[in-house]
Amino acid sequence: MEGKFVNTSEEKVWSEMKGYTVITNNARFLGDLEELIIDESAGRIVDIAIKIPENRKVRVSQSRQKGNLLFVPFKRVEKVGEFIMVTE
């Protein structure tokens, strides 16, 4: 498969992850993954943007909310599998 990207079971591509359910380590539903925020100069993911249900106030340590998006520092991501788990 020359020139093609081969995805192993441990790797995820962005198109497969958008819309993943995001929960806390206390099993609290936060919303769905909307975006990954990247620091281009450092070349790393700094935040995940979670689309939360309308008119809902959600709080996770070190996060910030703007409209219906909750920005959670990427360092708070514990698990990525069938869903995404963040530390509360």
Protein backbone atom coordinates (compact mmCIF):
# COMPACT_ATOMS: atom_id res chain seq x y z
CA MET A 1 0.00 0.00 0.00
CA GLU A 2 2.56 2.49 -1.07
CA GLY A 3 1.56 6.10 -0.46
CA LYS A 4 -1.52 5.25 1.61
CA PHE A 5 -2.05 5.88 5.31
CA VAL A 6 -2.81 2.67 7.18
CA ASN A 7 -4.82 3.17 10.33
CA THR A 8 -4.17 0.70 13.16
CA SER A 9 -6.77 -0.03 15.82
CA GLU A 10 -4.93 2.32 18.22
CA GLU A 11 -5.03 5.31 15.88
CA LYS A 12 -7.94 7.63 15.15
CA VAL A 13 -8.35 10.14 12.35
CA TRP A 14 -10.22 13.39 12.94
CA SER A 15 -13.07 12.55 10.55
CA GLU A 16 -13.85 9.48 12.69
CA MET A 17 -13.73 11.39 16.00
CA LYS A 18 -15.89 14.45 15.33
CA GLY A 19 -19.20 13.92 17.11
CA TYR A 20 -17.81 11.47 19.68
CA THR A 21 -19.62 11.59 23.02
CA VAL A 22 -17.60 13.31 25.74
CA ILE A 23 -18.10 12.33 29.39
CA THR A 24 -16.28 13.03 32.64
CA ASN A 25 -14.47 10.48 34.78
CA ASN A 26 -17.55 10.71 37.04
CA ALA A 27 -19.77 9.48 34.17
CA ARG A 28 -21.33 12.91 33.61
CA PHE A 29 -22.36 13.60 29.98
CA LEU A 30 -20.83 16.82 28.63
CA GLY A 31 -21.71 16.81 24.92
CA ASP A 32 -20.18 15.89 21.58
CA LEU A 33 -16.67 16.58 20.30
CA GLU A 34 -16.81 19.50 17.88
CA GLU A 35 -13.18 20.57 17.28
CA LEU A 36 -9.56 20.09 18.29
CA ILE A 37 -7.75 23.37 19.03
CA ILE A 38 -4.13 23.27 17.86
CA ASP A 39 -1.24 25.54 18.81
CA GLU A 40 0.48 25.76 15.42
CA SER A 41 3.75 27.14 16.80
CA ALA A 42 4.09 24.29 19.32
CA GLY A 43 2.57 21.70 16.98
CA ARG A 44 0.25 20.22 19.58
CA ILE A 45 -3.41 19.97 20.56
CA VAL A 46 -4.14 22.40 23.40
CA ASP A 47 -7.93 22.10 23.84
CA ILE A 48 -10.90 20.07 22.76
CA ALA A 49 -14.10 21.95 21.93
CA ILE A 50 -17.25 20.16 23.09
CA LYS A 51 -20.66 21.10 21.72
CA ILE A 52 -22.94 21.14 24.75
CA PRO A 53 -26.73 21.11 24.80
CA GLU A 54 -28.25 24.58 24.38
CA ASN A 55 -28.76 26.72 27.52
CA ARG A 56 -26.77 24.28 29.65
CA LYS A 57 -24.01 25.42 32.00
CA VAL A 58 -21.28 22.81 32.28
CA ARG A 59 -18.11 23.06 34.32
CA VAL A 60 -14.88 21.10 34.15
CA SER A 61 -11.74 22.20 35.96
CA GLN A 62 -9.68 24.66 33.87
CA SER A 63 -12.34 24.80 31.12
CA ARG A 64 -14.07 27.80 29.64
CA GLN A 65 -17.44 28.10 27.95
CA LYS A 66 -18.24 30.28 24.95
CA GLY A 67 -21.84 29.97 23.79
CA ASN A 68 -22.64 26.31 23.30
CA LEU A 69 -18.95 25.28 23.17
CA LEU A 70 -16.97 24.11 26.18
CA PHE A 71 -13.19 24.33 25.74
CA VAL A 72 -11.38 21.73 27.85
CA PRO A 73 -7.57 21.56 28.05
CA PHE A 74 -6.29 18.54 26.13
CA LYS A 75 -4.22 17.51 29.16
CA ARG A 76 -7.54 16.66 30.88
CA VAL A 77 -8.34 13.95 28.29
CA GLU A 78 -7.98 10.54 29.98
CA LYS A 79 -9.32 8.15 27.36
CA VAL A 80 -10.23 8.06 23.70
CA GLY A 81 -12.06 4.98 22.50
CA GLU A 82 -15.73 4.60 21.70
CA PHE A 83 -16.14 7.87 23.62
CA ILE A 84 -13.85 10.52 25.12
CA MET A 85 -13.35 10.77 28.86
CA VAL A 86 -12.02 13.91 30.57
CA THR A 87 -10.96 14.46 34.17
CA GLU A 88 -13.40 16.58 36.10
